[in-house]
Protein backbone atom coordinates (compact mmCIF):
# COMPACT_ATOMS: atom_id res chain seq x y z
CA MET A 1 100.13 54.14 38.74
CA THR A 2 99.99 57.76 39.81
CA ASP A 3 98.24 58.66 43.08
CA ILE A 4 95.65 60.81 41.36
CA GLN A 5 93.44 61.39 44.38
CA GLY A 6 96.44 62.40 46.44
CA LEU A 7 97.54 64.93 43.84
CA LEU A 8 94.03 66.38 43.63
CA GLY A 9 94.06 66.91 47.39
CA ASP A 10 91.03 68.69 48.83
CA GLU A 11 89.45 68.90 45.36
CA ALA A 12 89.45 65.14 44.81
CA LYS A 13 85.86 64.45 45.84
CA ASP A 14 84.48 67.47 44.02
CA LEU A 15 86.30 66.72 40.77
CA LEU A 16 85.87 62.94 40.77
CA ALA A 17 82.22 62.75 41.90
CA HIS A 18 80.70 65.70 40.04
CA THR A 19 77.78 64.99 37.70
CA ALA A 20 77.17 67.40 34.85
CA GLN A 21 73.56 68.49 34.51
CA GLY A 22 73.39 71.19 31.82
CA ILE A 23 74.67 69.06 28.95
CA PRO A 24 74.36 65.37 29.92
CA LYS A 25 76.98 62.88 28.82
CA LYS A 26 74.37 60.93 26.82
CA ASP A 27 74.26 63.82 24.36
CA LEU A 28 78.02 63.73 23.70
CA VAL A 29 80.02 61.86 21.09
CA LEU A 30 82.62 60.38 23.42
CA PRO A 31 86.21 59.23 22.86
CA GLY A 32 86.83 55.51 22.53
CA HIS A 33 89.00 52.89 20.87
CA ASP A 34 86.71 52.97 17.81
CA PHE A 35 86.48 56.77 17.47
CA VAL A 36 87.87 56.94 13.92
CA ASP A 37 85.63 54.09 12.77
CA ARG A 38 82.55 55.30 14.65
CA VAL A 39 82.81 59.03 14.03
CA VAL A 40 85.46 60.23 11.59
CA SER A 41 84.78 57.62 8.91
CA ALA A 42 81.37 59.24 8.34
CA THR A 43 82.96 62.57 7.39
CA ASP A 44 84.48 63.86 4.15
CA ARG A 45 88.01 62.94 5.30
CA SER A 46 89.92 60.74 2.88
CA PRO A 47 91.20 57.24 3.67
CA ARG A 48 94.72 58.70 4.05
CA VAL A 49 93.51 61.16 6.70
CA LEU A 50 91.71 58.34 8.50
CA ARG A 51 94.88 56.27 8.44
CA ASN A 52 97.04 59.06 9.84
CA LEU A 53 94.50 59.97 12.50
CA GLN A 54 94.26 56.32 13.50
CA SER A 55 98.06 56.22 13.79
CA LEU A 56 97.80 59.04 16.34
CA PHE A 57 95.29 57.11 18.42
CA ASP A 58 97.30 53.89 18.09
CA HIS A 59 100.58 55.28 19.44
CA GLY A 60 102.11 55.57 22.90
CA ARG A 61 100.82 54.56 26.32
CA LEU A 62 97.28 55.66 25.45
CA SER A 63 97.12 53.48 22.33
CA GLY A 64 93.66 52.02 21.83
CA THR A 65 91.90 54.25 24.36
CA GLY A 66 90.70 57.06 22.08
CA TYR A 67 92.64 59.59 24.17
CA VAL A 68 95.82 61.44 23.29
CA SER A 69 98.84 62.89 25.08
CA ILE A 70 100.86 65.21 22.86
CA LEU A 71 104.20 66.92 23.51
CA PRO A 72 104.24 70.42 21.90
CA VAL A 73 107.54 72.29 21.59
CA ASP A 74 107.22 75.47 19.54
CA GLN A 75 107.91 77.89 22.38
CA GLY A 76 111.36 78.72 21.00
CA ILE A 77 109.55 80.83 18.40
CA GLU A 78 106.34 81.68 20.22
CA HIS A 79 108.14 82.98 23.34
CA SER A 80 111.91 82.88 22.68
CA ALA A 81 114.57 80.20 22.74
CA ALA A 82 116.01 81.70 25.93
CA SER A 83 112.73 81.74 27.85
CA ALA A 84 111.82 78.26 26.61
CA PHE A 85 115.09 76.38 26.90
CA ALA A 86 117.39 78.17 29.37
CA ALA A 87 116.05 75.93 32.13
CA ASN A 88 117.04 72.84 30.10
CA PRO A 89 119.28 73.73 27.11
CA ARG A 90 119.47 70.14 25.89
CA TYR A 91 116.08 70.68 24.25
CA LEU A 92 117.63 73.13 21.83
CA ASP A 93 118.57 69.88 20.02
CA PRO A 94 115.52 68.57 18.08
CA LYS A 95 116.61 64.99 18.73
CA ASN A 96 116.05 65.41 22.45
CA ILE A 97 112.59 66.88 21.91
CA VAL A 98 111.46 63.85 19.94
CA GLU A 99 113.18 61.46 22.36
CA LEU A 100 111.23 63.00 25.25
CA ALA A 101 107.97 62.39 23.40
CA VAL A 102 108.98 58.79 22.65
CA GLU A 103 110.22 58.00 26.15
CA GLY A 104 107.28 59.87 27.66
CA GLY A 105 104.83 57.55 25.89
CA CYS A 106 103.14 60.33 23.92
CA ASN A 107 100.81 59.76 20.98
CA ALA A 108 102.63 62.44 18.96
CA VAL A 109 105.14 65.26 19.03
CA ALA A 110 104.14 68.71 17.75
CA SER A 111 106.85 71.15 16.78
CA THR A 112 108.12 73.48 14.09
CA LEU A 113 108.98 72.66 10.49
CA GLY A 114 112.66 73.15 11.29
CA VAL A 115 112.69 70.96 14.41
CA LEU A 116 110.86 68.02 12.85
CA GLY A 117 112.60 68.39 9.49
CA ALA A 118 115.98 68.20 11.25
CA VAL A 119 115.31 64.65 12.48
CA SER A 120 112.54 63.37 10.22
CA ARG A 121 114.42 60.48 8.61
CA ARG A 122 115.37 59.17 12.03
CA TYR A 123 112.03 59.50 13.82
CA ALA A 124 109.05 60.10 11.50
CA HIS A 125 108.33 56.35 11.39
CA LYS A 126 108.69 55.97 15.16
CA ILE A 127 106.18 58.54 16.40
CA PRO A 128 103.53 60.63 14.58
CA PHE A 129 104.74 64.14 13.71
CA ILE A 130 102.46 67.19 13.88
CA VAL A 131 104.07 70.18 12.16
CA LYS A 132 102.97 73.49 13.73
CA LEU A 133 103.04 75.60 10.58
CA ASN A 134 102.36 79.17 11.71
CA HIS A 135 103.87 81.11 14.60
CA ASN A 136 104.03 84.41 16.42
CA GLU A 137 107.61 85.70 16.70
CA LEU A 138 108.69 88.25 19.29
CA LEU A 139 111.94 89.58 17.79
CA THR A 140 110.17 92.40 15.94
CA TYR A 141 110.53 95.59 17.99
CA PRO A 142 108.22 96.80 19.32
CA ASN A 143 106.59 93.39 19.68
CA HIS A 144 103.49 92.64 17.69
CA TYR A 145 101.23 89.63 17.90
CA ASP A 146 100.42 87.84 14.66
CA GLN A 147 100.53 84.25 13.46
CA ILE A 148 102.36 83.96 10.14
CA LEU A 149 103.22 80.91 8.05
CA PHE A 150 106.75 79.54 8.41
CA GLY A 151 106.47 76.98 5.62
CA ASN A 152 103.97 75.19 3.42
CA VAL A 153 101.86 72.06 3.59
CA GLN A 154 103.87 70.16 0.96
CA GLN A 155 106.98 70.44 3.13
CA CYS A 156 105.05 68.88 6.02
CA CYS A 157 103.98 66.00 3.81
CA ASP A 158 107.50 65.51 2.43
CA LEU A 159 109.07 65.15 5.89
CA GLY A 160 106.51 62.47 6.80
CA ALA A 161 104.13 64.40 9.04
CA ALA A 162 100.89 62.70 10.07
CA GLY A 163 99.24 66.01 10.92
CA VAL A 164 99.47 69.77 10.53
CA GLY A 165 98.84 72.28 13.29
CA ALA A 166 98.16 76.01 13.24
CA THR A 167 96.98 78.86 15.48
CA VAL A 168 94.29 81.46 14.98
CA TYR A 169 94.25 84.42 17.38
CA PHE A 170 90.49 84.85 17.59
CA GLY A 171 89.51 88.39 18.56
CA SER A 172 92.68 89.96 17.19
CA GLU A 173 92.88 92.45 14.34
CA GLN A 174 94.55 89.76 12.23
CA SER A 175 92.05 86.99 12.93
CA ASP A 176 90.15 87.30 9.64
CA ARG A 177 93.32 86.83 7.60
CA GLN A 178 94.58 84.04 9.86
CA LEU A 179 91.26 82.22 9.62
CA GLN A 180 91.37 82.33 5.83
CA GLU A 181 95.05 81.28 5.68
CA VAL A 182 94.59 78.39 8.09
CA GLY A 183 91.42 77.28 6.31
CA GLU A 184 93.44 76.96 3.10
CA VAL A 185 96.26 75.16 4.92
CA PHE A 186 93.83 72.67 6.43
CA ALA A 187 92.18 71.98 3.07
CA GLN A 188 95.60 71.31 1.53
CA ALA A 189 96.60 69.10 4.45
CA HIS A 190 93.46 67.00 4.04
CA GLU A 191 94.11 66.69 0.32
CA LEU A 192 97.58 65.31 1.10
CA GLY A 193 96.23 62.91 3.74
CA MET A 194 97.19 64.70 6.98
CA PHE A 195 94.88 65.45 9.90
CA THR A 196 94.60 68.96 11.31
CA VAL A 197 94.99 70.48 14.79
CA LEU A 198 93.90 74.05 15.54
CA TRP A 199 95.22 76.09 18.46
CA CYS A 200 92.00 78.12 19.10
CA TYR A 201 93.42 80.95 21.19
CA LEU A 202 91.85 84.30 22.06
CA ARG A 203 94.12 87.34 21.76
CA ASN A 204 92.89 90.85 22.55
CA SER A 205 93.86 93.07 25.47
CA ALA A 206 90.24 94.26 25.63
CA PHE A 207 89.23 90.77 26.81
CA LYS A 208 90.66 91.71 30.23
CA LYS A 209 88.31 93.76 32.39
CA ASP A 210 88.29 94.62 36.10
CA GLY A 211 91.19 92.26 36.70
CA VAL A 212 89.49 89.27 35.06
CA ASP A 213 90.91 87.65 31.92
CA TYR A 214 87.93 86.65 29.80
CA SER A 215 90.17 85.18 27.09
CA VAL A 216 89.82 82.02 29.18
CA SER A 217 86.06 82.31 29.70
CA ALA A 218 83.93 79.33 28.75
CA ASP A 219 81.59 81.29 26.52
CA LEU A 220 84.31 83.01 24.46
CA THR A 221 86.62 79.99 24.19
CA GLY A 222 83.61 77.88 23.30
CA GLN A 223 82.83 80.21 20.42
CA ALA A 224 86.47 80.09 19.29
CA ASN A 225 86.16 76.30 19.19
CA HIS A 226 82.95 76.60 17.18
CA LEU A 227 84.75 78.72 14.61
CA GLY A 228 87.70 76.32 14.57
CA VAL A 229 85.66 73.23 13.74
CA THR A 230 84.01 75.19 10.93
CA ILE A 231 87.29 75.16 8.98
CA GLU A 232 87.50 71.38 9.59
CA ALA A 233 89.97 71.09 12.41
CA ASP A 234 90.12 67.41 13.36
CA ILE A 235 91.34 68.28 16.86
CA VAL A 236 90.95 71.57 18.74
CA LYS A 237 93.51 72.74 21.28
CA GLN A 238 92.12 75.18 23.80
CA LYS A 239 93.08 76.62 27.18
CA GLN A 240 90.90 75.19 29.93
CA PRO A 241 88.30 77.78 31.02
CA GLU A 242 88.85 79.66 34.27
CA ASN A 243 85.65 81.74 34.29
CA ASN A 244 82.51 82.46 32.31
CA GLY A 245 80.44 85.41 31.15
CA GLY A 246 82.87 87.07 28.77
CA TYR A 247 80.07 88.21 26.47
CA ARG A 248 78.22 89.80 29.38
CA ALA A 249 81.20 91.43 31.05
CA LEU A 250 82.54 92.92 27.82
CA ASP A 251 79.06 93.75 26.50
CA PHE A 252 79.61 92.58 22.94
CA GLY A 253 78.49 89.84 20.60
CA ARG A 254 75.43 87.70 21.15
CA THR A 255 74.72 85.09 23.76
CA ASP A 256 71.78 83.59 25.66
CA PRO A 257 70.93 83.51 29.39
CA LEU A 258 70.42 79.75 29.15
CA LEU A 259 74.17 79.32 28.72
CA TYR A 260 74.81 80.77 32.17
CA ASP A 261 71.64 79.73 34.01
CA THR A 262 71.04 76.20 32.70
CA LEU A 263 73.79 74.81 30.48
CA THR A 264 76.76 75.62 32.73
CA THR A 265 77.66 76.25 36.35
CA ASP A 266 80.86 77.64 37.79
CA HIS A 267 82.24 74.08 38.11
CA PRO A 268 85.35 73.59 35.92
CA ILE A 269 83.99 70.36 34.44
CA ASP A 270 80.77 72.08 33.34
CA LEU A 271 82.72 74.99 31.88
CA THR A 272 84.98 72.62 29.95
CA ARG A 273 81.96 70.64 28.77
CA TRP A 274 80.74 73.78 27.02
CA GLN A 275 84.04 73.78 25.13
CA VAL A 276 83.44 70.13 24.16
CA ALA A 277 79.87 70.93 23.11
CA ASN A 278 81.16 73.59 20.72
CA CYS A 279 83.38 70.97 19.08
CA TYR A 280 80.26 69.47 17.52
CA MET A 281 79.34 67.75 20.79
CA GLY A 282 82.63 65.85 20.77
CA ARG A 283 82.75 64.86 17.10
CA VAL A 284 85.96 66.91 17.00
CA GLY A 285 88.28 66.08 19.87
CA LEU A 286 89.05 68.76 22.47
CA ILE A 287 92.53 68.75 23.93
CA ASN A 288 93.36 71.24 26.66
CA SER A 289 96.75 72.87 27.02
CA GLY A 290 98.97 72.14 30.00
CA GLY A 291 100.04 75.76 30.45
CA ALA A 292 103.27 77.30 31.67
CA SER A 293 105.60 75.67 34.16
CA ALA A 294 105.19 77.04 37.68
CA GLY A 295 107.67 74.74 39.45
CA THR A 296 106.84 72.28 42.21
CA GLY A 297 103.08 72.33 41.66
CA ASP A 298 103.23 71.35 37.99
CA LEU A 299 102.53 67.64 38.51
CA ALA A 300 99.37 68.23 40.54
CA GLN A 301 98.18 70.96 38.18
CA ALA A 302 98.69 68.78 35.09
CA VAL A 303 96.77 65.90 36.67
CA ARG A 304 93.95 68.27 37.68
CA THR A 305 93.70 69.61 34.12
CA ALA A 306 93.59 66.07 32.73
CA VAL A 307 90.85 64.97 35.15
CA ILE A 308 88.69 67.95 34.22
CA ASN A 309 89.25 67.37 30.50
CA LYS A 310 88.46 63.67 30.67
CA ARG A 311 85.37 64.02 32.86
CA ALA A 312 84.08 66.83 30.63
CA GLY A 313 84.28 64.54 27.58
CA GLY A 314 87.56 65.82 26.16
CA THR A 315 90.11 63.84 24.20
CA GLY A 316 93.35 64.55 26.03
CA LEU A 317 96.08 66.95 26.99
CA ILE A 318 98.89 68.71 25.15
CA THR A 319 101.65 69.32 27.67
CA GLY A 320 104.93 71.07 26.81
CA ARG A 321 106.73 73.41 29.19
CA LYS A 322 105.68 71.51 32.29
CA ALA A 323 107.50 68.49 30.80
CA PHE A 324 110.59 69.85 29.04
CA GLN A 325 111.50 72.65 31.44
CA ARG A 326 112.64 70.17 34.06
CA PRO A 327 115.07 67.21 34.26
CA THR A 328 114.20 64.52 31.70
CA ALA A 329 113.19 61.87 34.28
CA GLU A 330 110.81 64.33 35.93
CA GLY A 331 109.39 65.34 32.55
CA ILE A 332 108.67 61.72 31.70
CA GLU A 333 107.09 61.22 35.13
CA LEU A 334 104.76 64.17 34.54
CA LEU A 335 103.73 62.95 31.09
CA HIS A 336 103.03 59.49 32.50
CA ALA A 337 100.96 60.98 35.33
CA VAL A 338 98.76 62.79 32.81
CA GLN A 339 98.38 59.60 30.78
CA ASP A 340 97.50 57.64 33.92
CA VAL A 341 94.37 59.78 34.28
CA TYR A 342 93.13 58.57 30.89
CA LEU A 343 94.16 54.99 31.63
CA ASP A 344 92.23 54.94 34.93
CA ASP A 345 88.81 53.43 34.21
CA SER A 346 87.48 54.66 37.56
CA ILE A 347 87.70 58.25 36.27
CA THR A 348 84.52 58.40 34.23
CA ILE A 349 82.62 60.95 32.14
CA ALA A 350 80.69 63.31 34.45
């Protein structure tokens, strides 16, 4: 097993012993082996959605825990193929992407319609597929930032996908249209028996003020989550919060002093718990993103993110560039290290 305390270093005691006060764990709907039975079966999701969601929880090294580890590889469109794969060109081949997810013990692989369609007959029965259906492309000059559909829900169903993913850039000029489009996509996916995953990202240059990026503030990302679950996302993907007080600093929207004075502190677990709370108190699973690869510190950073997510009441991690932008053996080691956090019973809910 991974030396989690060693990787956490000086933060180990603070992260592993912290007790959340603002929103106590007794008020949360927590992950567990029976999550689909206990929670999702009470919803309006069809038996086919329940079956596919259960297949996600039943796969990989985290099978039966109620937690998930997902490999996402859509950066070839979202960033560029060069920036994503120059460090490891073998992942330009869709087969190697899916193989990394399989060998890395992941619950699922999330990628584009083209990537998963290219190898669906070989792998769709071996690991759950999540088709990321909309993307932002950066070949338009000058660059613009908008999520547009690159396919349709029927194609996802036909290639054997268990789930459909999409992004909404909350706060952007295009967010209203994206929200409506993705809401329709999710309704169609549920009709065809697939679960849904929403990348709830904030995108607006005005969210940066005085050198602070409030697109990763707990209050604004929490609200993005709250909008995401409204269109029936079954899982929400969100960046882990790095600060709080976006509403106050930017002087817009509506908030309440209790959020800052009572319900949260500046502790990362408390900030992430506010994200969980906005996912219907955990009835919709929160998975945090692993972020960009920074080199030698990736392993420790990924483990730290997983510990915070788990102790906050989250459902797992979705880790891409930190895994595939390095030699395969090291990528597998990193994925296993993240999974070891969720397999370690001594790491409890704060």
